[in-house]
mmCIF file of all heavy atoms, coordinates in Angstrom:
data_MODEL
# 
_entry.id   MODEL 
# 
loop_
_atom_site.group_PDB 
_atom_site.id 
_atom_site.type_symbol 
_atom_site.label_atom_id 
_atom_site.label_alt_id 
_atom_site.label_comp_id 
_atom_site.label_asym_id 
_atom_site.label_entity_id 
_atom_site.label_seq_id 
_atom_site.pdbx_PDB_ins_code 
_atom_site.Cartn_x 
_atom_site.Cartn_y 
_atom_site.Cartn_z 
_atom_site.occupancy 
_atom_site.B_iso_or_equiv 
_atom_site.pdbx_formal_charge 
_atom_site.auth_seq_id 
_atom_site.auth_comp_id 
_atom_site.auth_asym_id 
_atom_site.auth_atom_id 
_atom_site.pdbx_PDB_model_num 
ATOM 1   N N   . ARG A 1 1  ? 90.378  120.032 104.745 1.00 0.00 ? 1  ARG A N   1 
ATOM 2   C CA  . ARG A 1 1  ? 90.061  119.630 103.365 1.00 0.00 ? 1  ARG A CA  1 
ATOM 3   C C   . ARG A 1 1  ? 88.777  118.788 103.326 1.00 0.00 ? 1  ARG A C   1 
ATOM 4   O O   . ARG A 1 1  ? 87.869  119.059 102.557 1.00 0.00 ? 1  ARG A O   1 
ATOM 5   C CB  . ARG A 1 1  ? 91.224  118.832 102.767 1.00 0.00 ? 1  ARG A CB  1 
ATOM 6   C CG  . ARG A 1 1  ? 90.964  118.385 101.343 1.00 0.00 ? 1  ARG A CG  1 
ATOM 7   C CD  . ARG A 1 1  ? 92.145  117.614 100.755 1.00 0.00 ? 1  ARG A CD  1 
ATOM 8   N NE  . ARG A 1 1  ? 93.255  118.520 100.521 1.00 0.00 ? 1  ARG A NE  1 
ATOM 9   C CZ  . ARG A 1 1  ? 94.417  118.480 101.169 1.00 0.00 ? 1  ARG A CZ  1 
ATOM 10  N NH1 . ARG A 1 1  ? 94.635  117.570 102.100 1.00 0.00 ? 1  ARG A NH1 1 
ATOM 11  N NH2 . ARG A 1 1  ? 95.369  119.349 100.912 1.00 0.00 ? 1  ARG A NH2 1 
ATOM 12  N N   . ASP A 1 2  ? 88.710  117.796 104.203 1.00 0.00 ? 2  ASP A N   1 
ATOM 13  C CA  . ASP A 1 2  ? 87.540  116.914 104.231 1.00 0.00 ? 2  ASP A CA  1 
ATOM 14  C C   . ASP A 1 2  ? 86.291  117.642 104.724 1.00 0.00 ? 2  ASP A C   1 
ATOM 15  O O   . ASP A 1 2  ? 85.181  117.378 104.240 1.00 0.00 ? 2  ASP A O   1 
ATOM 16  C CB  . ASP A 1 2  ? 87.812  115.700 105.127 1.00 0.00 ? 2  ASP A CB  1 
ATOM 17  C CG  . ASP A 1 2  ? 88.915  114.803 104.586 1.00 0.00 ? 2  ASP A CG  1 
ATOM 18  O OD1 . ASP A 1 2  ? 89.291  114.943 103.390 1.00 0.00 ? 2  ASP A OD1 1 
ATOM 19  O OD2 . ASP A 1 2  ? 89.421  113.961 105.359 1.00 0.00 ? 2  ASP A OD2 1 
ATOM 20  N N   . GLY A 1 3  ? 86.463  118.563 105.665 1.00 0.00 ? 3  GLY A N   1 
ATOM 21  C CA  . GLY A 1 3  ? 85.322  119.318 106.184 1.00 0.00 ? 3  GLY A CA  1 
ATOM 22  C C   . GLY A 1 3  ? 84.677  120.177 105.116 1.00 0.00 ? 3  GLY A C   1 
ATOM 23  O O   . GLY A 1 3  ? 83.445  120.257 105.032 1.00 0.00 ? 3  GLY A O   1 
ATOM 24  N N   . PHE A 1 4  ? 85.485  120.822 104.286 1.00 0.00 ? 4  PHE A N   1 
ATOM 25  C CA  . PHE A 1 4  ? 84.928  121.610 103.180 1.00 0.00 ? 4  PHE A CA  1 
ATOM 26  C C   . PHE A 1 4  ? 84.378  120.703 102.085 1.00 0.00 ? 4  PHE A C   1 
ATOM 27  O O   . PHE A 1 4  ? 83.350  121.015 101.475 1.00 0.00 ? 4  PHE A O   1 
ATOM 28  C CB  . PHE A 1 4  ? 85.971  122.578 102.611 1.00 0.00 ? 4  PHE A CB  1 
ATOM 29  C CG  . PHE A 1 4  ? 86.105  123.842 103.402 1.00 0.00 ? 4  PHE A CG  1 
ATOM 30  C CD1 . PHE A 1 4  ? 87.211  124.061 104.210 1.00 0.00 ? 4  PHE A CD1 1 
ATOM 31  C CD2 . PHE A 1 4  ? 85.119  124.813 103.360 1.00 0.00 ? 4  PHE A CD2 1 
ATOM 32  C CE1 . PHE A 1 4  ? 87.330  125.225 104.955 1.00 0.00 ? 4  PHE A CE1 1 
ATOM 33  C CE2 . PHE A 1 4  ? 85.225  125.984 104.093 1.00 0.00 ? 4  PHE A CE2 1 
ATOM 34  C CZ  . PHE A 1 4  ? 86.332  126.192 104.899 1.00 0.00 ? 4  PHE A CZ  1 
ATOM 35  N N   . ALA A 1 5  ? 85.033  119.577 101.842 1.00 0.00 ? 5  ALA A N   1 
ATOM 36  C CA  . ALA A 1 5  ? 84.570  118.643 100.807 1.00 0.00 ? 5  ALA A CA  1 
ATOM 37  C C   . ALA A 1 5  ? 83.165  118.126 101.122 1.00 0.00 ? 5  ALA A C   1 
ATOM 38  O O   . ALA A 1 5  ? 82.378  117.870 100.204 1.00 0.00 ? 5  ALA A O   1 
ATOM 39  C CB  . ALA A 1 5  ? 85.547  117.479 100.664 1.00 0.00 ? 5  ALA A CB  1 
ATOM 40  N N   . ARG A 1 6  ? 82.836  118.013 102.376 1.00 0.00 ? 6  ARG A N   1 
ATOM 41  C CA  . ARG A 1 6  ? 81.494  117.579 102.773 1.00 0.00 ? 6  ARG A CA  1 
ATOM 42  C C   . ARG A 1 6  ? 80.422  118.552 102.288 1.00 0.00 ? 6  ARG A C   1 
ATOM 43  O O   . ARG A 1 6  ? 79.254  118.216 102.210 1.00 0.00 ? 6  ARG A O   1 
ATOM 44  C CB  . ARG A 1 6  ? 81.419  117.461 104.303 1.00 0.00 ? 6  ARG A CB  1 
ATOM 45  C CG  . ARG A 1 6  ? 82.314  116.380 104.843 1.00 0.00 ? 6  ARG A CG  1 
ATOM 46  C CD  . ARG A 1 6  ? 82.506  116.450 106.362 1.00 0.00 ? 6  ARG A CD  1 
ATOM 47  N NE  . ARG A 1 6  ? 81.286  116.104 107.052 1.00 0.00 ? 6  ARG A NE  1 
ATOM 48  C CZ  . ARG A 1 6  ? 80.702  116.879 107.950 1.00 0.00 ? 6  ARG A CZ  1 
ATOM 49  N NH1 . ARG A 1 6  ? 81.199  118.052 108.270 1.00 0.00 ? 6  ARG A NH1 1 
ATOM 50  N NH2 . ARG A 1 6  ? 79.597  116.485 108.552 1.00 0.00 ? 6  ARG A NH2 1 
ATOM 51  N N   . HIS A 1 7  ? 80.838  119.784 101.969 1.00 0.00 ? 7  HIS A N   1 
ATOM 52  C CA  . HIS A 1 7  ? 79.926  120.816 101.458 1.00 0.00 ? 7  HIS A CA  1 
ATOM 53  C C   . HIS A 1 7  ? 80.181  121.093 99.978  1.00 0.00 ? 7  HIS A C   1 
ATOM 54  O O   . HIS A 1 7  ? 79.773  122.140 99.462  1.00 0.00 ? 7  HIS A O   1 
ATOM 55  C CB  . HIS A 1 7  ? 80.102  122.108 102.260 1.00 0.00 ? 7  HIS A CB  1 
ATOM 56  C CG  . HIS A 1 7  ? 79.747  121.959 103.699 1.00 0.00 ? 7  HIS A CG  1 
ATOM 57  N ND1 . HIS A 1 7  ? 78.444  121.986 104.155 1.00 0.00 ? 7  HIS A ND1 1 
ATOM 58  C CD2 . HIS A 1 7  ? 80.527  121.747 104.795 1.00 0.00 ? 7  HIS A CD2 1 
ATOM 59  C CE1 . HIS A 1 7  ? 78.438  121.822 105.471 1.00 0.00 ? 7  HIS A CE1 1 
ATOM 60  N NE2 . HIS A 1 7  ? 79.684  121.669 105.875 1.00 0.00 ? 7  HIS A NE2 1 
ATOM 61  N N   . ASN A 1 8  ? 80.893  120.175 99.320  1.00 0.00 ? 8  ASN A N   1 
ATOM 62  C CA  . ASN A 1 8  ? 81.241  120.311 97.894  1.00 0.00 ? 8  ASN A CA  1 
ATOM 63  C C   . ASN A 1 8  ? 82.066  121.556 97.615  1.00 0.00 ? 8  ASN A C   1 
ATOM 64  O O   . ASN A 1 8  ? 81.899  122.219 96.592  1.00 0.00 ? 8  ASN A O   1 
ATOM 65  C CB  . ASN A 1 8  ? 79.990  120.275 97.009  1.00 0.00 ? 8  ASN A CB  1 
ATOM 66  C CG  . ASN A 1 8  ? 79.245  118.968 97.154  1.00 0.00 ? 8  ASN A CG  1 
ATOM 67  O OD1 . ASN A 1 8  ? 79.860  117.901 97.154  1.00 0.00 ? 8  ASN A OD1 1 
ATOM 68  N ND2 . ASN A 1 8  ? 77.938  119.039 97.296  1.00 0.00 ? 8  ASN A ND2 1 
ATOM 69  N N   . ILE A 1 9  ? 82.965  121.877 98.535  1.00 0.00 ? 9  ILE A N   1 
ATOM 70  C CA  . ILE A 1 9  ? 83.884  123.003 98.392  1.00 0.00 ? 9  ILE A CA  1 
ATOM 71  C C   . ILE A 1 9  ? 85.297  122.433 98.410  1.00 0.00 ? 9  ILE A C   1 
ATOM 72  O O   . ILE A 1 9  ? 85.654  121.672 99.311  1.00 0.00 ? 9  ILE A O   1 
ATOM 73  C CB  . ILE A 1 9  ? 83.700  124.025 99.533  1.00 0.00 ? 9  ILE A CB  1 
ATOM 74  C CG1 . ILE A 1 9  ? 82.274  124.583 99.517  1.00 0.00 ? 9  ILE A CG1 1 
ATOM 75  C CG2 . ILE A 1 9  ? 84.733  125.141 99.430  1.00 0.00 ? 9  ILE A CG2 1 
ATOM 76  C CD1 . ILE A 1 9  ? 81.907  125.383 100.748 1.00 0.00 ? 9  ILE A CD1 1 
ATOM 77  N N   . LYS A 1 10 ? 86.081  122.797 97.419  1.00 0.00 ? 10 LYS A N   1 
ATOM 78  C CA  . LYS A 1 10 ? 87.449  122.288 97.320  1.00 0.00 ? 10 LYS A CA  1 
ATOM 79  C C   . LYS A 1 10 ? 88.406  123.231 98.040  1.00 0.00 ? 10 LYS A C   1 
ATOM 80  O O   . LYS A 1 10 ? 88.383  124.441 97.819  1.00 0.00 ? 10 LYS A O   1 
ATOM 81  C CB  . LYS A 1 10 ? 87.848  122.144 95.858  1.00 0.00 ? 10 LYS A CB  1 
ATOM 82  C CG  . LYS A 1 10 ? 89.182  121.490 95.684  1.00 0.00 ? 10 LYS A CG  1 
ATOM 83  C CD  . LYS A 1 10 ? 89.392  121.009 94.289  1.00 0.00 ? 10 LYS A CD  1 
ATOM 84  C CE  . LYS A 1 10 ? 90.777  120.433 94.219  1.00 0.00 ? 10 LYS A CE  1 
ATOM 85  N NZ  . LYS A 1 10 ? 90.869  119.154 93.689  1.00 0.00 ? 10 LYS A NZ  1 
ATOM 86  N N   . ALA A 1 11 ? 89.262  122.659 98.897  1.00 0.00 ? 11 ALA A N   1 
ATOM 87  C CA  . ALA A 1 11 ? 90.254  123.440 99.634  1.00 0.00 ? 11 ALA A CA  1 
ATOM 88  C C   . ALA A 1 11 ? 91.610  123.289 98.962  1.00 0.00 ? 11 ALA A C   1 
ATOM 89  O O   . ALA A 1 11 ? 92.066  122.185 98.713  1.00 0.00 ? 11 ALA A O   1 
ATOM 90  C CB  . ALA A 1 11 ? 90.328  122.966 101.083 1.00 0.00 ? 11 ALA A CB  1 
ATOM 91  N N   . HIS A 1 12 ? 92.246  124.421 98.669  1.00 0.00 ? 12 HIS A N   1 
ATOM 92  C CA  . HIS A 1 12 ? 93.586  124.467 98.089  1.00 0.00 ? 12 HIS A CA  1 
ATOM 93  C C   . HIS A 1 12 ? 94.506  125.086 99.139  1.00 0.00 ? 12 HIS A C   1 
ATOM 94  O O   . HIS A 1 12 ? 94.198  126.163 99.658  1.00 0.00 ? 12 HIS A O   1 
ATOM 95  C CB  . HIS A 1 12 ? 93.621  125.337 96.827  1.00 0.00 ? 12 HIS A CB  1 
ATOM 96  C CG  . HIS A 1 12 ? 92.603  124.964 95.809  1.00 0.00 ? 12 HIS A CG  1 
ATOM 97  N ND1 . HIS A 1 12 ? 92.781  123.946 94.916  1.00 0.00 ? 12 HIS A ND1 1 
ATOM 98  C CD2 . HIS A 1 12 ? 91.375  125.480 95.558  1.00 0.00 ? 12 HIS A CD2 1 
ATOM 99  C CE1 . HIS A 1 12 ? 91.718  123.851 94.144  1.00 0.00 ? 12 HIS A CE1 1 
ATOM 100 N NE2 . HIS A 1 12 ? 90.839  124.769 94.516  1.00 0.00 ? 12 HIS A NE2 1 
ATOM 101 N N   . PHE A 1 13 ? 95.629  124.453 99.426  1.00 0.00 ? 13 PHE A N   1 
ATOM 102 C CA  . PHE A 1 13 ? 96.547  124.957 100.445 1.00 0.00 ? 13 PHE A CA  1 
ATOM 103 C C   . PHE A 1 13 ? 97.717  125.679 99.792  1.00 0.00 ? 13 PHE A C   1 
ATOM 104 O O   . PHE A 1 13 ? 98.201  125.274 98.739  1.00 0.00 ? 13 PHE A O   1 
ATOM 105 C CB  . PHE A 1 13 ? 97.051  123.809 101.320 1.00 0.00 ? 13 PHE A CB  1 
ATOM 106 C CG  . PHE A 1 13 ? 95.973  123.268 102.210 1.00 0.00 ? 13 PHE A CG  1 
ATOM 107 C CD1 . PHE A 1 13 ? 95.066  122.330 101.739 1.00 0.00 ? 13 PHE A CD1 1 
ATOM 108 C CD2 . PHE A 1 13 ? 95.839  123.719 103.509 1.00 0.00 ? 13 PHE A CD2 1 
ATOM 109 C CE1 . PHE A 1 13 ? 94.059  121.847 102.558 1.00 0.00 ? 13 PHE A CE1 1 
ATOM 110 C CE2 . PHE A 1 13 ? 94.832  123.247 104.325 1.00 0.00 ? 13 PHE A CE2 1 
ATOM 111 C CZ  . PHE A 1 13 ? 93.937  122.303 103.848 1.00 0.00 ? 13 PHE A CZ  1 
ATOM 112 N N   . TYR A 1 14 ? 98.146  126.771 100.424 1.00 0.00 ? 14 TYR A N   1 
ATOM 113 C CA  . TYR A 1 14 ? 99.300  127.527 99.940  1.00 0.00 ? 14 TYR A CA  1 
ATOM 114 C C   . TYR A 1 14 ? 100.079 128.038 101.146 1.00 0.00 ? 14 TYR A C   1 
ATOM 115 O O   . TYR A 1 14 ? 99.546  128.119 102.248 1.00 0.00 ? 14 TYR A O   1 
ATOM 116 C CB  . TYR A 1 14 ? 98.864  128.688 99.035  1.00 0.00 ? 14 TYR A CB  1 
ATOM 117 C CG  . TYR A 1 14 ? 98.175  129.806 99.756  1.00 0.00 ? 14 TYR A CG  1 
ATOM 118 C CD1 . TYR A 1 14 ? 98.880  130.930 100.168 1.00 0.00 ? 14 TYR A CD1 1 
ATOM 119 C CD2 . TYR A 1 14 ? 96.819  129.740 100.053 1.00 0.00 ? 14 TYR A CD2 1 
ATOM 120 C CE1 . TYR A 1 14 ? 98.258  131.956 100.855 1.00 0.00 ? 14 TYR A CE1 1 
ATOM 121 C CE2 . TYR A 1 14 ? 96.189  130.758 100.741 1.00 0.00 ? 14 TYR A CE2 1 
ATOM 122 C CZ  . TYR A 1 14 ? 96.910  131.861 101.129 1.00 0.00 ? 14 TYR A CZ  1 
ATOM 123 O OH  . TYR A 1 14 ? 96.295  132.871 101.823 1.00 0.00 ? 14 TYR A OH  1 
ATOM 124 N N   . LYS A 1 15 ? 101.365 128.377 100.908 1.00 0.00 ? 15 LYS A N   1 
ATOM 125 C CA  . LYS A 1 15 ? 102.214 128.810 102.025 1.00 0.00 ? 15 LYS A CA  1 
ATOM 126 C C   . LYS A 1 15 ? 102.443 130.314 102.069 1.00 0.00 ? 15 LYS A C   1 
ATOM 127 O O   . LYS A 1 15 ? 102.268 130.929 103.094 1.00 0.00 ? 15 LYS A O   1 
ATOM 128 C CB  . LYS A 1 15 ? 103.565 128.096 101.960 1.00 0.00 ? 15 LYS A CB  1 
ATOM 129 C CG  . LYS A 1 15 ? 103.489 126.665 102.380 1.00 0.00 ? 15 LYS A CG  1 
ATOM 130 C CD  . LYS A 1 15 ? 104.861 126.070 102.527 1.00 0.00 ? 15 LYS A CD  1 
ATOM 131 C CE  . LYS A 1 15 ? 104.700 124.638 102.991 1.00 0.00 ? 15 LYS A CE  1 
ATOM 132 N NZ  . LYS A 1 15 ? 105.950 124.034 103.358 1.00 0.00 ? 15 LYS A NZ  1 
ATOM 133 N N   . ASP A 1 16 ? 102.889 130.899 100.985 1.00 0.00 ? 16 ASP A N   1 
ATOM 134 C CA  . ASP A 1 16 ? 103.370 132.281 101.051 1.00 0.00 ? 16 ASP A CA  1 
ATOM 135 C C   . ASP A 1 16 ? 102.319 133.294 100.603 1.00 0.00 ? 16 ASP A C   1 
ATOM 136 O O   . ASP A 1 16 ? 101.589 133.829 101.394 1.00 0.00 ? 16 ASP A O   1 
ATOM 137 C CB  . ASP A 1 16 ? 104.652 132.423 100.239 1.00 0.00 ? 16 ASP A CB  1 
ATOM 138 C CG  . ASP A 1 16 ? 105.763 131.543 100.807 1.00 0.00 ? 16 ASP A CG  1 
ATOM 139 O OD1 . ASP A 1 16 ? 105.886 131.478 102.037 1.00 0.00 ? 16 ASP A OD1 1 
ATOM 140 O OD2 . ASP A 1 16 ? 106.477 130.919 100.013 1.00 0.00 ? 16 ASP A OD2 1 
ATOM 141 N N   . SER A 1 17 ? 102.239 133.549 99.305  1.00 0.00 ? 17 SER A N   1 
ATOM 142 C CA  . SER A 1 17 ? 101.303 134.560 98.825  1.00 0.00 ? 17 SER A CA  1 
ATOM 143 C C   . SER A 1 17 ? 100.063 133.893 98.223  1.00 0.00 ? 17 SER A C   1 
ATOM 144 O O   . SER A 1 17 ? 100.132 132.798 97.669  1.00 0.00 ? 17 SER A O   1 
ATOM 145 C CB  . SER A 1 17 ? 101.973 135.473 97.788  1.00 0.00 ? 17 SER A CB  1 
ATOM 146 O OG  . SER A 1 17 ? 102.443 134.708 96.704  1.00 0.00 ? 17 SER A OG  1 
ATOM 147 N N   . LEU A 1 18 ? 98.957  134.587 98.359  1.00 0.00 ? 18 LEU A N   1 
ATOM 148 C CA  . LEU A 1 18 ? 97.673  134.093 97.877  1.00 0.00 ? 18 LEU A CA  1 
ATOM 149 C C   . LEU A 1 18 ? 97.714  133.914 96.363  1.00 0.00 ? 18 LEU A C   1 
ATOM 150 O O   . LEU A 1 18 ? 98.024  134.859 95.639  1.00 0.00 ? 18 LEU A O   1 
ATOM 151 C CB  . LEU A 1 18 ? 96.569  135.083 98.261  1.00 0.00 ? 18 LEU A CB  1 
ATOM 152 C CG  . LEU A 1 18 ? 95.139  134.712 97.918  1.00 0.00 ? 18 LEU A CG  1 
ATOM 153 C CD1 . LEU A 1 18 ? 94.694  133.504 98.728  1.00 0.00 ? 18 LEU A CD1 1 
ATOM 154 C CD2 . LEU A 1 18 ? 94.214  135.885 98.186  1.00 0.00 ? 18 LEU A CD2 1 
ATOM 155 N N   . PRO A 1 19 ? 97.436  132.704 95.869  1.00 0.00 ? 19 PRO A N   1 
ATOM 156 C CA  . PRO A 1 19 ? 97.407  132.499 94.412  1.00 0.00 ? 19 PRO A CA  1 
ATOM 157 C C   . PRO A 1 19 ? 96.347  133.379 93.746  1.00 0.00 ? 19 PRO A C   1 
ATOM 158 O O   . PRO A 1 19 ? 95.313  133.686 94.343  1.00 0.00 ? 19 PRO A O   1 
ATOM 159 C CB  . PRO A 1 19 ? 97.038  131.016 94.277  1.00 0.00 ? 19 PRO A CB  1 
ATOM 160 C CG  . PRO A 1 19 ? 97.429  130.402 95.579  1.00 0.00 ? 19 PRO A CG  1 
ATOM 161 C CD  . PRO A 1 19 ? 97.211  131.480 96.612  1.00 0.00 ? 19 PRO A CD  1 
ATOM 162 N N   . GLU A 1 20 ? 96.607  133.781 92.526  1.00 0.00 ? 20 GLU A N   1 
ATOM 163 C CA  . GLU A 1 20 ? 95.701  134.688 91.807  1.00 0.00 ? 20 GLU A CA  1 
ATOM 164 C C   . GLU A 1 20 ? 94.315  134.099 91.601  1.00 0.00 ? 20 GLU A C   1 
ATOM 165 O O   . GLU A 1 20 ? 93.333  134.819 91.546  1.00 0.00 ? 20 GLU A O   1 
ATOM 166 C CB  . GLU A 1 20 ? 96.313  135.071 90.457  1.00 0.00 ? 20 GLU A CB  1 
ATOM 167 C CG  . GLU A 1 20 ? 97.475  136.022 90.580  1.00 0.00 ? 20 GLU A CG  1 
ATOM 168 C CD  . GLU A 1 20 ? 98.007  136.453 89.228  1.00 0.00 ? 20 GLU A CD  1 
ATOM 169 O OE1 . GLU A 1 20 ? 97.233  136.459 88.249  1.00 0.00 ? 20 GLU A OE1 1 
ATOM 170 O OE2 . GLU A 1 20 ? 99.197  136.789 89.162  1.00 0.00 ? 20 GLU A OE2 1 
ATOM 171 N N   . MET A 1 21 ? 94.246  132.794 91.471  1.00 0.00 ? 21 MET A N   1 
ATOM 172 C CA  . MET A 1 21 ? 92.958  132.160 91.179  1.00 0.00 ? 21 MET A CA  1 
ATOM 173 C C   . MET A 1 21 ? 92.014  132.124 92.387  1.00 0.00 ? 21 MET A C   1 
ATOM 174 O O   . MET A 1 21 ? 90.870  131.718 92.274  1.00 0.00 ? 21 MET A O   1 
ATOM 175 C CB  . MET A 1 21 ? 93.180  130.735 90.650  1.00 0.00 ? 21 MET A CB  1 
ATOM 176 C CG  . MET A 1 21 ? 93.878  129.804 91.622  1.00 0.00 ? 21 MET A CG  1 
ATOM 177 S SD  . MET A 1 21 ? 92.657  128.876 92.478  1.00 0.00 ? 21 MET A SD  1 
ATOM 178 C CE  . MET A 1 21 ? 93.496  127.516 93.147  1.00 0.00 ? 21 MET A CE  1 
ATOM 179 N N   . CYS A 1 22 ? 92.460  132.572 93.551  1.00 0.00 ? 22 CYS A N   1 
ATOM 180 C CA  . CYS A 1 22 ? 91.675  132.472 94.779  1.00 0.00 ? 22 CYS A CA  1 
ATOM 181 C C   . CYS A 1 22 ? 90.723  133.651 94.951  1.00 0.00 ? 22 CYS A C   1 
ATOM 182 O O   . CYS A 1 22 ? 91.143  134.800 94.916  1.00 0.00 ? 22 CYS A O   1 
ATOM 183 C CB  . CYS A 1 22 ? 92.600  132.395 95.982  1.00 0.00 ? 22 CYS A CB  1 
ATOM 184 S SG  . CYS A 1 22 ? 93.625  130.924 95.991  1.00 0.00 ? 22 CYS A SG  1 
ATOM 185 N N   . ASP A 1 23 ? 89.455  133.325 95.161  1.00 0.00 ? 23 ASP A N   1 
ATOM 186 C CA  . ASP A 1 23 ? 88.460  134.347 95.474  1.00 0.00 ? 23 ASP A CA  1 
ATOM 187 C C   . ASP A 1 23 ? 88.236  134.461 96.981  1.00 0.00 ? 23 ASP A C   1 
ATOM 188 O O   . ASP A 1 23 ? 87.774  135.488 97.470  1.00 0.00 ? 23 ASP A O   1 
ATOM 189 C CB  . ASP A 1 23 ? 87.128  134.028 94.794  1.00 0.00 ? 23 ASP A CB  1 
ATOM 190 C CG  . ASP A 1 23 ? 87.190  134.215 93.290  1.00 0.00 ? 23 ASP A CG  1 
ATOM 191 O OD1 . ASP A 1 23 ? 87.965  135.075 92.822  1.00 0.00 ? 23 ASP A OD1 1 
ATOM 192 O OD2 . ASP A 1 23 ? 86.472  133.490 92.583  1.00 0.00 ? 23 ASP A OD2 1 
ATOM 193 N N   . THR A 1 24 ? 88.530  133.374 97.707  1.00 0.00 ? 24 THR A N   1 
ATOM 194 C CA  . THR A 1 24 ? 88.369  133.380 99.156  1.00 0.00 ? 24 THR A CA  1 
ATOM 195 C C   . THR A 1 24 ? 89.605  132.770 99.800  1.00 0.00 ? 24 THR A C   1 
ATOM 196 O O   . THR A 1 24 ? 90.238  131.877 99.247  1.00 0.00 ? 24 THR A O   1 
ATOM 197 C CB  . THR A 1 24 ? 87.133  132.582 99.607  1.00 0.00 ? 24 THR A CB  1 
ATOM 198 O OG1 . THR A 1 24 ? 87.216  131.262 99.079  1.00 0.00 ? 24 THR A OG1 1 
ATOM 199 C CG2 . THR A 1 24 ? 85.854  133.244 99.163  1.00 0.00 ? 24 THR A CG2 1 
ATOM 200 N N   . LYS A 1 25 ? 89.922  133.273 100.994 1.00 0.00 ? 25 LYS A N   1 
ATOM 201 C CA  . LYS A 1 25 ? 91.097  132.813 101.733 1.00 0.00 ? 25 LYS A CA  1 
ATOM 202 C C   . LYS A 1 25 ? 90.668  132.438 103.140 1.00 0.00 ? 25 LYS A C   1 
ATOM 203 O O   . LYS A 1 25 ? 89.923  133.172 103.794 1.00 0.00 ? 25 LYS A O   1 
ATOM 204 C CB  . LYS A 1 25 ? 92.127  133.929 101.785 1.00 0.00 ? 25 LYS A CB  1 
ATOM 205 C CG  . LYS A 1 25 ? 93.304  133.644 102.713 1.00 0.00 ? 25 LYS A CG  1 
ATOM 206 C CD  . LYS A 1 25 ? 94.293  134.797 102.687 1.00 0.00 ? 25 LYS A CD  1 
ATOM 207 C CE  . LYS A 1 25 ? 94.285  135.529 103.980 1.00 0.00 ? 25 LYS A CE  1 
ATOM 208 N NZ  . LYS A 1 25 ? 95.360  136.517 104.098 1.00 0.00 ? 25 LYS A NZ  1 
ATOM 209 N N   . LEU A 1 26 ? 91.158  131.294 103.613 1.00 0.00 ? 26 LEU A N   1 
ATOM 210 C CA  . LEU A 1 26 ? 90.901  130.855 104.976 1.00 0.00 ? 26 LEU A CA  1 
ATOM 211 C C   . LEU A 1 26 ? 92.209  130.860 105.749 1.00 0.00 ? 26 LEU A C   1 
ATOM 212 O O   . LEU A 1 26 ? 93.214  130.328 105.278 1.00 0.00 ? 26 LEU A O   1 
ATOM 213 C CB  . LEU A 1 26 ? 90.309  129.439 104.994 1.00 0.00 ? 26 LEU A CB  1 
ATOM 214 C CG  . LEU A 1 26 ? 89.996  128.908 106.393 1.00 0.00 ? 26 LEU A CG  1 
ATOM 215 C CD1 . LEU A 1 26 ? 88.641  129.435 106.854 1.00 0.00 ? 26 LEU A CD1 1 
ATOM 216 C CD2 . LEU A 1 26 ? 90.010  127.395 106.418 1.00 0.00 ? 26 LEU A CD2 1 
# 
């Protein structure tokens, strides 16, 4: 989370299925 925040990118965590609002998945 902090590593992406350093680049002004917000990290959202999820467990099961990819939320619809996600354009990229890590």
